[in-house]
């Protein structure tokens, strides 16, 4: 039996999305927050145990900030385009 690629495993043999993919699509913000939280935990654990250099840990924290700041930044920029400063998150 040939090994299927990740796209086929996610979409299924008939091309329809898997239950997991439908769940993630329904709760996109939760998926982003979960991924960022796991990356934050991993970065913190590796930095606390001196498994990675300080510069790499800071890079990990920057990535977490970018992932978590994506939705608020888009909201802010959308408000600025309409001529309003939206600081309501």
Protein backbone atom coordinates (compact mmCIF):
# COMPACT_ATOMS: atom_id res chain seq x y z
CA UNK A 1 0.00 0.00 0.00
CA UNK A 2 1.55 3.36 -1.03
CA UNK A 3 2.10 6.04 1.59
CA UNK A 4 -0.26 8.98 1.27
CA UNK A 5 0.96 12.60 1.46
CA UNK A 6 -0.16 14.97 4.19
CA UNK A 7 -2.65 16.68 1.86
CA UNK A 8 -4.39 13.38 1.18
CA UNK A 9 -4.44 12.53 4.88
CA UNK A 10 -5.94 15.92 5.77
CA UNK A 11 -8.40 16.14 2.90
CA UNK A 12 -9.21 12.45 2.76
CA UNK A 13 -9.34 10.17 -0.24
CA UNK A 14 -12.49 11.82 -1.59
CA UNK A 15 -11.06 15.37 -1.41
CA UNK A 16 -13.31 16.51 1.44
CA UNK A 17 -11.73 18.03 4.57
CA UNK A 18 -11.13 15.74 7.53
CA UNK A 19 -13.02 16.29 10.81
CA UNK A 20 -9.86 17.75 12.39
CA UNK A 21 -9.41 20.26 9.56
CA UNK A 22 -13.09 21.28 9.79
CA UNK A 23 -12.69 21.79 13.56
CA UNK A 24 -9.59 23.97 13.10
CA UNK A 25 -11.35 25.99 10.37
CA UNK A 26 -14.32 26.60 12.68
CA UNK A 27 -12.11 27.73 15.58
CA UNK A 28 -9.25 29.47 13.81
CA UNK A 29 -8.41 31.89 16.65
CA UNK A 30 -8.22 29.01 19.11
CA UNK A 31 -5.90 27.11 16.78
CA UNK A 32 -3.59 30.15 16.45
CA UNK A 33 -3.58 30.70 20.23
CA UNK A 34 -2.90 27.02 20.93
CA UNK A 35 -0.02 26.93 18.47
CA UNK A 36 1.47 30.13 19.89
CA UNK A 37 1.09 28.84 23.45
CA UNK A 38 2.85 25.60 22.60
CA UNK A 39 5.66 27.49 20.87
CA UNK A 40 5.97 29.81 23.88
CA UNK A 41 6.14 26.85 26.27
CA UNK A 42 8.72 25.06 24.11
CA UNK A 43 10.86 28.19 23.77
CA UNK A 44 10.69 28.87 27.49
CA UNK A 45 11.58 25.27 28.40
CA UNK A 46 14.53 25.19 26.01
CA UNK A 47 15.78 28.58 27.21
CA UNK A 48 15.34 27.69 30.90
CA UNK A 49 17.39 24.53 30.49
CA UNK A 50 20.04 26.29 28.38
CA UNK A 51 19.36 24.01 25.42
CA UNK A 52 19.31 26.91 22.95
CA UNK A 53 21.32 30.15 22.74
CA UNK A 54 19.80 33.38 24.06
CA UNK A 55 19.44 34.80 20.55
CA UNK A 56 17.43 31.75 19.43
CA UNK A 57 15.15 32.07 22.47
CA UNK A 58 14.54 35.72 21.70
CA UNK A 59 13.73 34.75 18.12
CA UNK A 60 11.21 32.23 19.42
CA UNK A 61 9.59 34.90 21.58
CA UNK A 62 9.40 37.26 18.59
CA UNK A 63 7.66 34.56 16.53
CA UNK A 64 5.14 34.03 19.37
CA UNK A 65 4.52 37.79 19.47
CA UNK A 66 3.94 37.89 15.73
CA UNK A 67 1.56 34.92 15.83
CA UNK A 68 -0.40 36.29 18.79
CA UNK A 69 -0.36 39.86 17.50
CA UNK A 70 -1.67 38.97 14.05
CA UNK A 71 -5.42 39.36 14.73
CA UNK A 72 -5.15 42.50 16.91
CA UNK A 73 -2.86 44.15 14.37
CA UNK A 74 -5.23 43.38 11.50
CA UNK A 75 -8.11 44.81 13.57
CA UNK A 76 -6.13 47.97 14.32
CA UNK A 77 -5.05 48.44 10.70
CA UNK A 78 -8.61 47.91 9.47
CA UNK A 79 -9.83 50.63 11.82
CA UNK A 80 -7.07 53.00 10.74
CA UNK A 81 -8.07 52.48 7.10
CA UNK A 82 -11.60 53.58 8.06
CA UNK A 83 -10.21 56.62 9.86
CA UNK A 84 -10.68 55.33 13.43
CA UNK A 85 -8.19 54.29 16.06
CA UNK A 86 -9.55 51.03 17.46
CA UNK A 87 -7.94 50.04 20.77
CA UNK A 88 -10.82 47.86 21.94
CA UNK A 89 -9.26 44.40 22.00
